[in-house]
Amino acid sequence: MDSSNHPEGVVSVPPRDPDRFAGEIRDKIFGLIGKEVAVIITDTEMWFSYGSLDFARGSSGIQVVSKSFGEPDLYGKPKFGGVDCVAHELACASALLMGQTSEGVPAVIVRGYKYVKSEEGISYYQIKPESLRTTIKETVKSSVRVLGLNWLLKLLAT
């Protein structure tokens, strides 16, 4: 629930399926103006750094994560150092234009950005808590099998 930028006693509840909601907005825009657009729904969250960042919560019509990892850069060297989370980067840039307090700008139109069209949603890339638990459990089990129980005991002692 979110109560920021709402009158006293009013809160908003995010949609259950933000990707589907982004798709519905996208379809309505197409119906109104006949143009294909991408839609990203954002929300502000506190982050591990000082302050907050906007994150994509739903998306439709845009490739959420760049598939250019390992592609050559300007000098022919392969791009390493991470995968670009395009939807989150656009969410952060949009937040600068929307503002976080009394600006009242509910949406941002980004023009000129060359994006890859896709029907994937942001939820395709979110780690669910149950998946995270399973991943950690399997990682620890495999590590103990390979590195031994003493490794785990040392890890827990630090």
N, C-alpha and C. Protein backbone atom coordinates (compact mmCIF):
# COMPACT_ATOMS: atom_id res chain seq x y z
N MET A 1 0.83 -1.18 0.00
CA MET A 1 0.00 0.00 0.00
C MET A 1 0.88 1.24 0.00
N ASP A 2 0.38 2.28 -0.64
CA ASP A 2 1.14 3.52 -0.76
C ASP A 2 0.23 4.68 -0.39
N SER A 3 0.70 5.53 0.50
CA SER A 3 -0.10 6.71 0.88
C SER A 3 0.56 8.02 0.46
N SER A 4 1.74 7.95 -0.14
CA SER A 4 2.39 9.20 -0.56
C SER A 4 1.64 9.80 -1.74
N ASN A 5 1.57 11.12 -1.75
CA ASN A 5 0.86 11.87 -2.79
C ASN A 5 -0.60 11.47 -2.92
N HIS A 6 -1.23 11.16 -1.77
CA HIS A 6 -2.66 10.85 -1.69
C HIS A 6 -3.27 11.76 -0.63
N PRO A 7 -4.54 12.10 -0.78
CA PRO A 7 -5.20 12.87 0.29
C PRO A 7 -5.22 12.07 1.59
N GLU A 8 -5.40 12.76 2.70
CA GLU A 8 -5.46 12.12 4.02
C GLU A 8 -6.49 10.99 4.01
N GLY A 9 -6.09 9.83 4.51
CA GLY A 9 -7.00 8.69 4.62
C GLY A 9 -7.15 7.87 3.35
N VAL A 10 -6.42 8.23 2.29
CA VAL A 10 -6.52 7.50 1.02
C VAL A 10 -5.19 6.80 0.74
N VAL A 11 -5.26 5.56 0.34
CA VAL A 11 -4.08 4.80 -0.06
C VAL A 11 -4.37 4.13 -1.40
N SER A 12 -3.32 3.76 -2.10
CA SER A 12 -3.49 2.98 -3.33
C SER A 12 -2.86 1.62 -3.13
N VAL A 13 -3.44 0.66 -3.79
CA VAL A 13 -2.95 -0.71 -3.75
C VAL A 13 -2.44 -1.03 -5.14
N PRO A 14 -1.20 -1.52 -5.25
CA PRO A 14 -0.68 -1.82 -6.59
C PRO A 14 -1.48 -2.95 -7.24
N PRO A 15 -1.50 -2.98 -8.57
CA PRO A 15 -2.23 -4.06 -9.24
C PRO A 15 -1.61 -5.42 -8.92
N ARG A 16 -2.46 -6.45 -8.90
CA ARG A 16 -1.96 -7.81 -8.62
C ARG A 16 -0.95 -8.27 -9.66
N ASP A 17 -1.20 -7.94 -10.91
CA ASP A 17 -0.33 -8.35 -12.00
C ASP A 17 0.11 -7.10 -12.77
N PRO A 18 1.18 -6.43 -12.33
CA PRO A 18 1.60 -5.19 -12.97
C PRO A 18 1.94 -5.34 -14.45
N ASP A 19 2.47 -6.50 -14.86
CA ASP A 19 2.77 -6.72 -16.28
C ASP A 19 1.49 -6.70 -17.11
N ARG A 20 0.47 -7.37 -16.63
CA ARG A 20 -0.82 -7.40 -17.34
C ARG A 20 -1.42 -6.00 -17.39
N PHE A 21 -1.34 -5.28 -16.28
CA PHE A 21 -1.86 -3.92 -16.21
C PHE A 21 -1.12 -3.01 -17.21
N ALA A 22 0.21 -3.16 -17.30
CA ALA A 22 1.00 -2.39 -18.28
C ALA A 22 0.53 -2.73 -19.70
N GLY A 23 0.23 -4.01 -19.94
CA GLY A 23 -0.28 -4.42 -21.24
C GLY A 23 -1.63 -3.81 -21.55
N GLU A 24 -2.49 -3.70 -20.54
CA GLU A 24 -3.80 -3.08 -20.73
C GLU A 24 -3.66 -1.59 -21.07
N ILE A 25 -2.74 -0.91 -20.39
CA ILE A 25 -2.49 0.50 -20.69
C ILE A 25 -1.97 0.64 -22.11
N ARG A 26 -1.05 -0.24 -22.47
CA ARG A 26 -0.47 -0.23 -23.82
C ARG A 26 -1.55 -0.42 -24.88
N ASP A 27 -2.46 -1.38 -24.63
CA ASP A 27 -3.56 -1.63 -25.58
C ASP A 27 -4.48 -0.41 -25.69
N LYS A 28 -4.76 0.25 -24.57
CA LYS A 28 -5.62 1.44 -24.60
C LYS A 28 -4.96 2.57 -25.39
N ILE A 29 -3.65 2.75 -25.21
CA ILE A 29 -2.94 3.78 -25.97
C ILE A 29 -3.02 3.47 -27.46
N PHE A 30 -2.81 2.21 -27.82
CA PHE A 30 -2.89 1.82 -29.23
C PHE A 30 -4.29 2.08 -29.77
N GLY A 31 -5.31 1.76 -28.98
CA GLY A 31 -6.68 1.99 -29.40
C GLY A 31 -7.00 3.47 -29.58
N LEU A 32 -6.40 4.32 -28.78
CA LEU A 32 -6.66 5.76 -28.86
C LEU A 32 -5.90 6.46 -29.98
N ILE A 33 -4.61 6.10 -30.15
CA ILE A 33 -3.79 6.84 -31.11
C ILE A 33 -3.20 5.97 -32.22
N GLY A 34 -3.39 4.66 -32.13
CA GLY A 34 -2.90 3.77 -33.19
C GLY A 34 -1.40 3.60 -33.25
N LYS A 35 -0.71 3.89 -32.16
CA LYS A 35 0.75 3.75 -32.13
C LYS A 35 1.15 2.66 -31.14
N GLU A 36 2.14 1.87 -31.56
CA GLU A 36 2.73 0.87 -30.68
C GLU A 36 3.69 1.57 -29.73
N VAL A 37 3.50 1.39 -28.44
CA VAL A 37 4.39 1.96 -27.44
C VAL A 37 4.75 0.86 -26.44
N ALA A 38 5.78 1.12 -25.67
CA ALA A 38 6.12 0.26 -24.53
C ALA A 38 5.65 0.99 -23.27
N VAL A 39 5.23 0.23 -22.28
CA VAL A 39 4.77 0.81 -21.02
C VAL A 39 5.54 0.18 -19.87
N ILE A 40 6.03 1.03 -18.99
CA ILE A 40 6.70 0.55 -17.77
C ILE A 40 6.01 1.22 -16.59
N ILE A 41 5.55 0.42 -15.64
CA ILE A 41 4.96 0.92 -14.40
C ILE A 41 6.07 0.92 -13.35
N THR A 42 6.23 2.04 -12.65
CA THR A 42 7.33 2.17 -11.69
C THR A 42 6.81 2.43 -10.29
N ASP A 43 7.69 2.23 -9.32
CA ASP A 43 7.41 2.58 -7.95
C ASP A 43 8.74 2.89 -7.27
N THR A 44 8.69 3.77 -6.29
CA THR A 44 9.88 4.17 -5.55
C THR A 44 10.08 3.24 -4.36
N GLU A 45 11.31 2.83 -4.16
CA GLU A 45 11.66 1.96 -3.03
C GLU A 45 12.91 2.48 -2.37
N MET A 46 13.00 2.27 -1.07
CA MET A 46 14.26 2.53 -0.38
C MET A 46 15.26 1.50 -0.89
N TRP A 47 16.51 1.90 -1.01
CA TRP A 47 17.51 0.99 -1.54
C TRP A 47 18.67 0.94 -0.56
N PHE A 48 19.62 0.07 -0.81
CA PHE A 48 20.74 -0.13 0.11
C PHE A 48 21.68 1.07 0.13
N SER A 49 21.59 1.91 -0.88
CA SER A 49 22.40 3.12 -0.88
C SER A 49 21.65 4.20 -0.10
N TYR A 50 22.24 5.35 -0.02
CA TYR A 50 21.59 6.46 0.67
C TYR A 50 20.45 6.96 -0.22
N GLY A 51 19.23 6.87 0.24
CA GLY A 51 18.10 7.38 -0.53
C GLY A 51 17.25 6.28 -1.14
N SER A 52 16.55 6.65 -2.20
CA SER A 52 15.64 5.71 -2.83
C SER A 52 15.85 5.71 -4.34
N LEU A 53 15.32 4.68 -4.98
CA LEU A 53 15.37 4.55 -6.43
C LEU A 53 14.01 4.11 -6.92
N ASP A 54 13.70 4.41 -8.17
CA ASP A 54 12.49 3.88 -8.78
C ASP A 54 12.84 2.57 -9.49
N PHE A 55 11.94 1.62 -9.37
CA PHE A 55 12.11 0.32 -10.00
C PHE A 55 10.92 0.03 -10.88
N ALA A 56 11.15 -0.73 -11.94
CA ALA A 56 10.05 -1.18 -12.79
C ALA A 56 9.28 -2.25 -12.02
N ARG A 57 7.98 -2.10 -11.97
CA ARG A 57 7.12 -3.09 -11.31
C ARG A 57 6.30 -3.88 -12.32
N GLY A 58 6.10 -3.31 -13.50
CA GLY A 58 5.38 -3.97 -14.56
C GLY A 58 5.84 -3.42 -15.89
N SER A 59 5.77 -4.23 -16.94
CA SER A 59 6.18 -3.73 -18.25
C SER A 59 5.47 -4.51 -19.34
N SER A 60 5.37 -3.86 -20.49
CA SER A 60 4.78 -4.49 -21.67
C SER A 60 5.33 -3.80 -22.91
N GLY A 61 5.77 -4.59 -23.87
CA GLY A 61 6.22 -4.06 -25.15
C GLY A 61 7.69 -3.74 -25.25
N ILE A 62 8.47 -4.03 -24.23
CA ILE A 62 9.89 -3.71 -24.24
C ILE A 62 10.69 -4.87 -23.65
N GLN A 63 11.86 -5.10 -24.22
CA GLN A 63 12.76 -6.11 -23.66
C GLN A 63 13.29 -5.56 -22.34
N VAL A 64 12.98 -6.25 -21.26
CA VAL A 64 13.26 -5.79 -19.90
C VAL A 64 14.75 -5.78 -19.59
N VAL A 65 15.46 -6.80 -20.04
CA VAL A 65 16.88 -6.94 -19.77
C VAL A 65 17.61 -7.01 -21.11
N SER A 66 18.64 -6.19 -21.27
CA SER A 66 19.41 -6.18 -22.51
C SER A 66 20.11 -7.52 -22.71
N LYS A 67 20.08 -8.00 -23.92
CA LYS A 67 20.73 -9.27 -24.24
C LYS A 67 22.11 -9.04 -24.86
N SER A 68 22.71 -7.84 -24.62
CA SER A 68 23.99 -7.50 -25.26
C SER A 68 25.22 -7.89 -24.44
N PHE A 69 25.04 -8.64 -23.36
CA PHE A 69 26.18 -9.08 -22.55
C PHE A 69 27.14 -9.87 -23.45
N GLY A 70 28.40 -9.50 -23.46
CA GLY A 70 29.41 -10.18 -24.27
C GLY A 70 29.55 -9.61 -25.67
N GLU A 71 28.67 -8.71 -26.07
CA GLU A 71 28.78 -8.08 -27.40
C GLU A 71 29.98 -7.14 -27.41
N PRO A 72 30.58 -6.89 -28.58
CA PRO A 72 31.74 -6.00 -28.62
C PRO A 72 31.38 -4.54 -28.33
N ASP A 73 32.27 -3.86 -27.59
CA ASP A 73 32.09 -2.44 -27.32
C ASP A 73 32.70 -1.63 -28.48
N LEU A 74 32.88 -0.34 -28.30
CA LEU A 74 33.42 0.52 -29.35
C LEU A 74 34.81 0.08 -29.82
N TYR A 75 35.56 -0.59 -28.95
CA TYR A 75 36.93 -0.99 -29.27
C TYR A 75 37.05 -2.49 -29.53
N GLY A 76 35.92 -3.16 -29.70
CA GLY A 76 35.92 -4.58 -30.04
C GLY A 76 36.05 -5.51 -28.86
N LYS A 77 36.13 -4.96 -27.64
CA LYS A 77 36.23 -5.81 -26.45
C LYS A 77 34.82 -6.25 -26.05
N PRO A 78 34.66 -7.49 -25.58
CA PRO A 78 33.33 -7.95 -25.17
C PRO A 78 32.84 -7.20 -23.93
N LYS A 79 31.53 -6.89 -23.91
CA LYS A 79 30.93 -6.19 -22.78
C LYS A 79 30.75 -7.16 -21.62
N PHE A 80 31.44 -6.91 -20.54
CA PHE A 80 31.27 -7.67 -19.32
C PHE A 80 30.96 -6.68 -18.22
N GLY A 81 30.72 -7.17 -17.04
CA GLY A 81 30.48 -6.27 -15.92
C GLY A 81 29.01 -6.13 -15.59
N GLY A 82 28.20 -6.97 -16.16
CA GLY A 82 26.79 -6.93 -15.78
C GLY A 82 25.85 -6.89 -16.96
N VAL A 83 24.64 -7.20 -16.67
CA VAL A 83 23.57 -7.18 -17.65
C VAL A 83 22.76 -5.91 -17.40
N ASP A 84 22.43 -5.19 -18.45
CA ASP A 84 21.69 -3.95 -18.30
C ASP A 84 20.21 -4.23 -18.06
N CYS A 85 19.70 -3.77 -16.93
CA CYS A 85 18.28 -3.91 -16.60
C CYS A 85 17.57 -2.67 -17.15
N VAL A 86 17.23 -2.72 -18.43
CA VAL A 86 16.71 -1.58 -19.17
C VAL A 86 15.47 -0.98 -18.48
N ALA A 87 14.53 -1.81 -18.08
CA ALA A 87 13.29 -1.31 -17.47
C ALA A 87 13.57 -0.54 -16.19
N HIS A 88 14.48 -1.02 -15.37
CA HIS A 88 14.82 -0.32 -14.13
C HIS A 88 15.56 1.00 -14.43
N GLU A 89 16.44 0.98 -15.42
CA GLU A 89 17.16 2.20 -15.77
C GLU A 89 16.20 3.27 -16.27
N LEU A 90 15.22 2.88 -17.09
CA LEU A 90 14.23 3.84 -17.56
C LEU A 90 13.34 4.31 -16.41
N ALA A 91 13.05 3.43 -15.47
CA ALA A 91 12.25 3.82 -14.30
C ALA A 91 12.98 4.90 -13.50
N CYS A 92 14.28 4.72 -13.29
CA CYS A 92 15.06 5.72 -12.55
C CYS A 92 15.11 7.05 -13.29
N ALA A 93 15.35 7.00 -14.60
CA ALA A 93 15.40 8.24 -15.38
C ALA A 93 14.05 8.95 -15.35
N SER A 94 12.98 8.21 -15.45
CA SER A 94 11.64 8.80 -15.43
C SER A 94 11.34 9.44 -14.09
N ALA A 95 11.82 8.83 -13.02
CA ALA A 95 11.57 9.36 -11.67
C ALA A 95 12.14 10.76 -11.52
N LEU A 96 13.26 11.03 -12.17
CA LEU A 96 13.85 12.37 -12.10
C LEU A 96 12.92 13.41 -12.70
N LEU A 97 12.17 13.01 -13.73
CA LEU A 97 11.24 13.94 -14.38
C LEU A 97 9.89 14.01 -13.67
N MET A 98 9.46 12.89 -13.09
CA MET A 98 8.17 12.88 -12.38
C MET A 98 8.26 13.58 -11.03
N GLY A 99 9.42 13.44 -10.39
CA GLY A 99 9.59 14.01 -9.05
C GLY A 99 9.04 13.05 -8.00
N GLN A 100 9.34 13.36 -6.75
CA GLN A 100 8.94 12.48 -5.66
C GLN A 100 8.02 13.15 -4.65
N THR A 101 7.75 14.44 -4.84
CA THR A 101 6.94 15.13 -3.83
C THR A 101 5.73 15.78 -4.47
N SER A 102 5.70 17.08 -4.58
CA SER A 102 4.49 17.78 -4.99
C SER A 102 4.44 18.13 -6.48
N GLU A 103 5.31 17.55 -7.30
CA GLU A 103 5.36 17.90 -8.71
C GLU A 103 4.08 17.53 -9.46
N GLY A 104 3.48 16.40 -9.11
CA GLY A 104 2.22 15.99 -9.72
C GLY A 104 2.35 15.48 -11.15
N VAL A 105 3.52 15.00 -11.54
CA VAL A 105 3.70 14.46 -12.89
C VAL A 105 3.50 12.94 -12.82
N PRO A 106 2.38 12.43 -13.33
CA PRO A 106 2.08 11.00 -13.17
C PRO A 106 2.73 10.09 -14.20
N ALA A 107 3.21 10.64 -15.32
CA ALA A 107 3.76 9.80 -16.37
C ALA A 107 4.83 10.57 -17.14
N VAL A 108 5.73 9.83 -17.75
CA VAL A 108 6.79 10.41 -18.55
C VAL A 108 6.78 9.72 -19.91
N ILE A 109 6.91 10.50 -20.96
CA ILE A 109 7.03 9.94 -22.31
C ILE A 109 8.51 10.03 -22.69
N VAL A 110 9.10 8.90 -23.00
CA VAL A 110 10.51 8.85 -23.40
C VAL A 110 10.54 8.73 -24.92
N ARG A 111 11.17 9.66 -25.56
CA ARG A 111 11.27 9.64 -27.03
C ARG A 111 12.73 9.46 -27.43
N GLY A 112 12.93 8.77 -28.52
CA GLY A 112 14.27 8.64 -29.08
C GLY A 112 15.06 7.45 -28.56
N TYR A 113 14.56 6.78 -27.52
CA TYR A 113 15.29 5.60 -27.02
C TYR A 113 14.99 4.42 -27.94
N LYS A 114 16.02 3.81 -28.48
CA LYS A 114 15.85 2.66 -29.37
C LYS A 114 15.83 1.39 -28.53
N TYR A 115 14.64 0.86 -28.34
CA TYR A 115 14.48 -0.32 -27.50
C TYR A 115 14.09 -1.53 -28.36
N VAL A 116 14.29 -2.69 -27.78
CA VAL A 116 13.90 -3.93 -28.44
C VAL A 116 12.49 -4.26 -27.99
N LYS A 117 11.59 -4.44 -28.95
CA LYS A 117 10.21 -4.80 -28.61
C LYS A 117 10.17 -6.23 -28.10
N SER A 118 9.34 -6.45 -27.08
CA SER A 118 9.21 -7.78 -26.50
C SER A 118 7.92 -7.86 -25.71
N GLU A 119 7.38 -9.03 -25.62
CA GLU A 119 6.17 -9.25 -24.82
C GLU A 119 6.52 -9.76 -23.42
N GLU A 120 7.80 -9.89 -23.11
CA GLU A 120 8.18 -10.32 -21.77
C GLU A 120 7.82 -9.23 -20.77
N GLY A 121 7.62 -9.61 -19.54
CA GLY A 121 7.32 -8.65 -18.49
C GLY A 121 8.43 -8.62 -17.47
N ILE A 122 8.37 -7.66 -16.59
CA ILE A 122 9.38 -7.54 -15.53
C ILE A 122 9.32 -8.76 -14.61
N SER A 123 8.14 -9.36 -14.49
CA SER A 123 8.00 -10.53 -13.60
C SER A 123 8.81 -11.72 -14.10
N TYR A 124 9.19 -11.74 -15.37
CA TYR A 124 10.02 -12.83 -15.89
C TYR A 124 11.39 -12.85 -15.22
N TYR A 125 11.80 -11.69 -14.67
CA TYR A 125 13.14 -11.55 -14.12
C TYR A 125 13.16 -11.35 -12.62
N GLN A 126 12.03 -11.49 -11.96
CA GLN A 126 12.00 -11.31 -10.52
C GLN A 126 12.19 -12.66 -9.83
N ILE A 127 12.97 -12.64 -8.79
CA ILE A 127 13.20 -13.86 -8.02
C ILE A 127 12.15 -13.91 -6.92
N LYS A 128 11.34 -14.93 -6.94
CA LYS A 128 10.30 -15.11 -5.92
C LYS A 128 10.97 -15.64 -4.65
N PRO A 129 10.41 -15.30 -3.47
CA PRO A 129 11.03 -15.75 -2.20
C PRO A 129 11.23 -17.27 -2.14
N GLU A 130 10.25 -18.03 -2.62
CA GLU A 130 10.41 -19.49 -2.56
C GLU A 130 11.54 -19.97 -3.47
N SER A 131 11.73 -19.30 -4.62
CA SER A 131 12.83 -19.65 -5.52
C SER A 131 14.16 -19.30 -4.88
N LEU A 132 14.21 -18.17 -4.20
CA LEU A 132 15.44 -17.75 -3.54
C LEU A 132 15.83 -18.74 -2.44
N ARG A 133 14.84 -19.17 -1.66
CA ARG A 133 15.11 -20.17 -0.60
C ARG A 133 15.66 -21.46 -1.21
N THR A 134 15.03 -21.92 -2.28
CA THR A 134 15.48 -23.15 -2.94
C THR A 134 16.89 -22.98 -3.49
N THR A 135 17.17 -21.83 -4.09
CA THR A 135 18.49 -21.57 -4.65
C THR A 135 19.56 -21.58 -3.56
N ILE A 136 19.30 -20.90 -2.46
CA ILE A 136 20.27 -20.86 -1.36
C ILE A 136 20.48 -22.26 -0.78
N LYS A 137 19.38 -22.98 -0.57
CA LYS A 137 19.46 -24.34 -0.01
C LYS A 137 20.30 -25.24 -0.92
N GLU A 138 20.03 -25.21 -2.22
CA GLU A 138 20.77 -26.06 -3.16
C GLU A 138 22.23 -25.64 -3.26
N THR A 139 22.51 -24.34 -3.19
CA THR A 139 23.88 -23.86 -3.23
C THR A 139 24.66 -24.34 -2.02
N VAL A 140 24.05 -24.23 -0.84
CA VAL A 140 24.72 -24.69 0.38
C VAL A 140 24.94 -26.20 0.33
N LYS A 141 23.92 -26.95 -0.08
CA LYS A 141 24.06 -28.42 -0.16
C LYS A 141 25.19 -28.82 -1.10
N SER A 142 25.23 -28.19 -2.27
CA SER A 142 26.28 -28.51 -3.25
C SER A 142 27.64 -28.10 -2.74
N SER A 143 27.72 -26.93 -2.08
CA SER A 143 28.99 -26.47 -1.54
C SER A 143 29.51 -27.40 -0.46
N VAL A 144 28.62 -27.87 0.41
CA VAL A 144 29.03 -28.81 1.47
C VAL A 144 29.52 -30.11 0.84
N ARG A 145 28.81 -30.56 -0.19
CA ARG A 145 29.20 -31.80 -0.86
C ARG A 145 30.59 -31.66 -1.47
N VAL A 146 30.90 -30.50 -2.06
CA VAL A 146 32.18 -30.29 -2.73
C VAL A 146 33.27 -29.84 -1.77
N LEU A 147 32.94 -28.90 -0.87
CA LEU A 147 33.95 -28.29 -0.01
C LEU A 147 34.03 -28.91 1.38
N GLY A 148 33.02 -29.67 1.76
CA GLY A 148 33.04 -30.32 3.06
C GLY A 148 32.29 -29.55 4.14
N LEU A 149 31.94 -30.27 5.19
CA LEU A 149 31.19 -29.69 6.30
C LEU A 149 31.99 -28.62 7.04
N ASN A 150 33.32 -28.79 7.11
CA ASN A 150 34.16 -27.79 7.80
C ASN A 150 34.02 -26.42 7.14
N TRP A 151 33.88 -26.38 5.81
CA TRP A 151 33.68 -25.12 5.09
C TRP A 151 32.44 -24.42 5.61
N LEU A 152 31.34 -25.17 5.75
CA LEU A 152 30.08 -24.59 6.22
C LEU A 152 30.22 -24.08 7.65
N LEU A 153 30.86 -24.86 8.50
CA LEU A 153 31.05 -24.46 9.88
C LEU A 153 31.89 -23.17 9.99
N LYS A 154 32.94 -23.07 9.17
CA LYS A 154 33.75 -21.85 9.14
C LYS A 154 32.93 -20.67 8.64
N LEU A 155 32.11 -20.91 7.64
CA LEU A 155 31.27 -19.84 7.10
C LEU A 155 30.29 -19.33 8.15
N LEU A 156 29.67 -20.25 8.90
CA LEU A 156 28.71 -19.86 9.91
C LEU A 156 29.37 -19.17 11.09
N ALA A 157 30.64 -19.47 11.33
CA ALA A 157 31.35 -18.87 12.47
C ALA A 157 31.78 -17.43 12.19
N THR A 158 31.84 -17.05 10.92
CA THR A 158 32.30 -15.68 10.62
C THR A 158 31.19 -14.68 10.67
